[in-house]
N, C-alpha and C. Protein backbone atom coordinates (compact mmCIF):
# COMPACT_ATOMS: atom_id res chain seq x y z
N UNK A 1 0.80 -1.18 0.01
CA UNK A 1 0.03 0.00 -0.02
C UNK A 1 0.86 1.21 0.03
N UNK A 2 2.02 1.27 0.72
CA UNK A 2 2.89 2.44 0.73
C UNK A 2 3.34 2.71 -0.71
N UNK A 3 3.74 1.71 -1.41
CA UNK A 3 4.22 1.89 -2.74
C UNK A 3 3.17 2.39 -3.68
N UNK A 4 1.95 2.00 -3.59
CA UNK A 4 0.83 2.38 -4.37
C UNK A 4 0.53 3.92 -4.18
N UNK A 5 0.65 4.31 -2.87
CA UNK A 5 0.22 5.67 -2.49
C UNK A 5 1.41 6.60 -2.20
N UNK A 6 2.59 6.21 -2.55
CA UNK A 6 3.74 7.04 -2.14
C UNK A 6 3.74 8.47 -2.69
N UNK A 7 3.15 8.70 -3.88
CA UNK A 7 3.25 9.99 -4.39
C UNK A 7 1.97 10.88 -4.19
N UNK A 8 0.94 10.38 -3.47
CA UNK A 8 -0.27 11.10 -3.02
C UNK A 8 -0.94 11.65 -4.39
N UNK A 9 -1.21 10.83 -5.29
CA UNK A 9 -1.78 11.23 -6.52
C UNK A 9 -3.31 11.21 -6.46
N UNK A 10 -3.85 10.88 -5.35
CA UNK A 10 -5.31 10.82 -5.18
C UNK A 10 -5.90 9.48 -5.42
N UNK A 11 -7.21 9.41 -5.19
CA UNK A 11 -7.87 8.12 -5.18
C UNK A 11 -7.90 7.45 -6.61
N UNK A 12 -8.27 8.16 -7.61
CA UNK A 12 -8.41 7.58 -8.89
C UNK A 12 -7.04 7.10 -9.45
N UNK A 13 -6.00 7.92 -9.26
CA UNK A 13 -4.72 7.61 -9.76
C UNK A 13 -4.08 6.50 -9.02
N UNK A 14 -4.29 6.37 -7.75
CA UNK A 14 -3.90 5.24 -6.89
C UNK A 14 -4.47 3.89 -7.39
N UNK A 15 -5.78 4.01 -7.60
CA UNK A 15 -6.48 2.80 -8.07
C UNK A 15 -6.06 2.28 -9.45
N UNK A 16 -5.91 3.32 -10.28
CA UNK A 16 -5.45 3.03 -11.74
C UNK A 16 -4.13 2.37 -11.73
N UNK A 17 -3.19 2.92 -10.94
CA UNK A 17 -1.83 2.39 -10.92
C UNK A 17 -1.75 1.00 -10.28
N UNK A 18 -2.55 0.79 -9.27
CA UNK A 18 -2.67 -0.56 -8.57
C UNK A 18 -3.20 -1.58 -9.59
N UNK A 19 -4.24 -1.22 -10.28
CA UNK A 19 -4.84 -2.20 -11.33
C UNK A 19 -3.84 -2.67 -12.37
N UNK A 20 -2.96 -1.74 -12.75
CA UNK A 20 -1.92 -2.09 -13.79
C UNK A 20 -0.84 -3.06 -13.26
N UNK A 21 -0.67 -3.11 -11.89
CA UNK A 21 0.44 -3.81 -11.42
C UNK A 21 0.01 -5.17 -10.62
N UNK A 22 -0.99 -4.97 -9.76
CA UNK A 22 -1.30 -6.04 -8.81
C UNK A 22 -2.88 -6.22 -8.68
N UNK A 23 -3.24 -7.28 -8.06
CA UNK A 23 -4.69 -7.34 -7.63
C UNK A 23 -4.79 -8.36 -6.44
N UNK A 24 -5.65 -7.97 -5.51
CA UNK A 24 -5.95 -8.81 -4.37
C UNK A 24 -7.36 -8.47 -3.92
N UNK A 25 -8.00 -9.42 -3.33
CA UNK A 25 -9.42 -9.29 -2.90
C UNK A 25 -9.52 -8.11 -1.92
N UNK A 26 -10.41 -7.23 -2.15
CA UNK A 26 -10.63 -6.08 -1.31
C UNK A 26 -9.65 -4.92 -1.59
N UNK A 27 -8.94 -4.94 -2.65
CA UNK A 27 -7.93 -3.99 -3.02
C UNK A 27 -8.57 -2.49 -3.05
N UNK A 28 -9.63 -2.39 -3.76
CA UNK A 28 -10.34 -1.12 -3.96
C UNK A 28 -10.70 -0.44 -2.61
N UNK A 29 -11.19 -1.27 -1.73
CA UNK A 29 -11.64 -0.71 -0.43
C UNK A 29 -10.41 -0.32 0.49
N UNK A 30 -9.38 -1.06 0.31
CA UNK A 30 -8.18 -0.80 1.15
C UNK A 30 -7.40 0.52 0.61
N UNK A 31 -7.46 0.66 -0.64
CA UNK A 31 -6.90 1.93 -1.26
C UNK A 31 -7.78 3.09 -0.85
N UNK A 32 -9.05 2.99 -0.93
CA UNK A 32 -9.99 4.05 -0.49
C UNK A 32 -9.75 4.40 1.01
N UNK A 33 -9.52 3.45 1.81
CA UNK A 33 -9.26 3.71 3.28
C UNK A 33 -7.94 4.44 3.46
N UNK A 34 -6.86 4.01 2.77
CA UNK A 34 -5.54 4.60 2.96
C UNK A 34 -5.54 6.03 2.47
N UNK A 35 -6.09 6.23 1.25
CA UNK A 35 -6.08 7.60 0.60
C UNK A 35 -7.05 8.43 1.37
N UNK A 36 -8.17 7.91 1.92
CA UNK A 36 -9.12 8.73 2.65
C UNK A 36 -8.59 9.16 3.95
N UNK A 37 -7.54 8.61 4.46
CA UNK A 37 -6.92 9.05 5.73
C UNK A 37 -5.64 9.85 5.55
N UNK A 38 -5.18 10.03 4.30
CA UNK A 38 -3.96 10.79 4.07
C UNK A 38 -4.15 12.26 4.11
N UNK A 39 -3.45 12.88 5.02
CA UNK A 39 -3.62 14.37 5.31
C UNK A 39 -3.22 15.15 4.05
N UNK A 40 -2.30 14.72 3.26
CA UNK A 40 -1.89 15.48 2.04
C UNK A 40 -3.09 15.46 1.08
N UNK A 41 -3.56 14.17 0.80
CA UNK A 41 -4.69 14.06 -0.15
C UNK A 41 -5.89 14.74 0.31
N UNK A 42 -6.24 14.80 1.60
CA UNK A 42 -7.30 15.47 2.12
C UNK A 42 -7.18 16.98 1.95
N UNK A 43 -5.99 17.51 2.15
CA UNK A 43 -5.75 18.94 2.00
C UNK A 43 -6.03 19.48 0.58
N UNK A 44 -5.56 18.68 -0.39
CA UNK A 44 -5.68 19.18 -1.76
C UNK A 44 -6.84 18.57 -2.53
N UNK A 45 -7.63 17.78 -1.90
CA UNK A 45 -8.77 17.15 -2.50
C UNK A 45 -9.67 18.16 -3.03
N UNK A 46 -10.22 18.02 -4.30
CA UNK A 46 -11.22 18.88 -4.92
C UNK A 46 -10.87 20.35 -4.85
N UNK A 47 -9.60 20.74 -5.08
CA UNK A 47 -9.29 22.17 -5.04
C UNK A 47 -8.66 22.45 -6.42
N UNK A 48 -9.54 22.66 -7.38
CA UNK A 48 -9.08 23.03 -8.77
C UNK A 48 -8.50 24.41 -8.75
N UNK A 49 -7.60 24.64 -9.71
CA UNK A 49 -6.95 25.90 -9.82
C UNK A 49 -8.03 26.96 -10.18
N UNK A 50 -8.01 28.04 -9.60
CA UNK A 50 -8.94 29.21 -9.84
C UNK A 50 -8.51 29.87 -11.12
N UNK A 51 -9.45 30.06 -11.99
CA UNK A 51 -9.12 30.71 -13.23
C UNK A 51 -9.58 32.23 -13.13
N UNK A 52 -8.79 33.16 -13.57
CA UNK A 52 -9.21 34.50 -13.43
C UNK A 52 -10.30 34.85 -14.33
N UNK A 53 -11.17 35.72 -13.90
CA UNK A 53 -12.33 36.16 -14.68
C UNK A 53 -11.84 37.01 -15.81
N UNK A 54 -12.45 36.87 -16.91
CA UNK A 54 -12.10 37.70 -18.16
C UNK A 54 -13.36 38.40 -18.69
N UNK A 55 -13.17 39.53 -19.15
CA UNK A 55 -14.31 40.34 -19.75
C UNK A 55 -14.46 39.92 -21.17
N UNK A 56 -15.70 39.80 -21.59
CA UNK A 56 -16.00 39.47 -23.04
C UNK A 56 -16.66 40.74 -23.65
N UNK A 57 -16.10 41.05 -24.73
CA UNK A 57 -16.62 42.19 -25.46
C UNK A 57 -17.91 41.79 -26.10
N UNK A 58 -18.91 42.76 -25.96
CA UNK A 58 -20.18 42.61 -26.50
C UNK A 58 -20.18 43.09 -27.93
N UNK A 59 -20.59 42.28 -28.86
CA UNK A 59 -20.55 42.73 -30.36
C UNK A 59 -21.60 43.79 -30.58
N UNK A 60 -21.32 44.79 -31.45
CA UNK A 60 -22.21 45.80 -31.73
C UNK A 60 -23.22 45.40 -32.77
């Protein structure tokens, strides 16, 4: 589990990487438990980069 989650890439990427390399019964649930308790993942979860507002010119 440490190797799967070592880079804190989030839930989806950890599951994807694990599926490519290994499989065991209950793998998905165990990955969800580990990533769900990771302080780094929780800090940056669902924080997309903010895009600055831009003005659109109205055509005449």
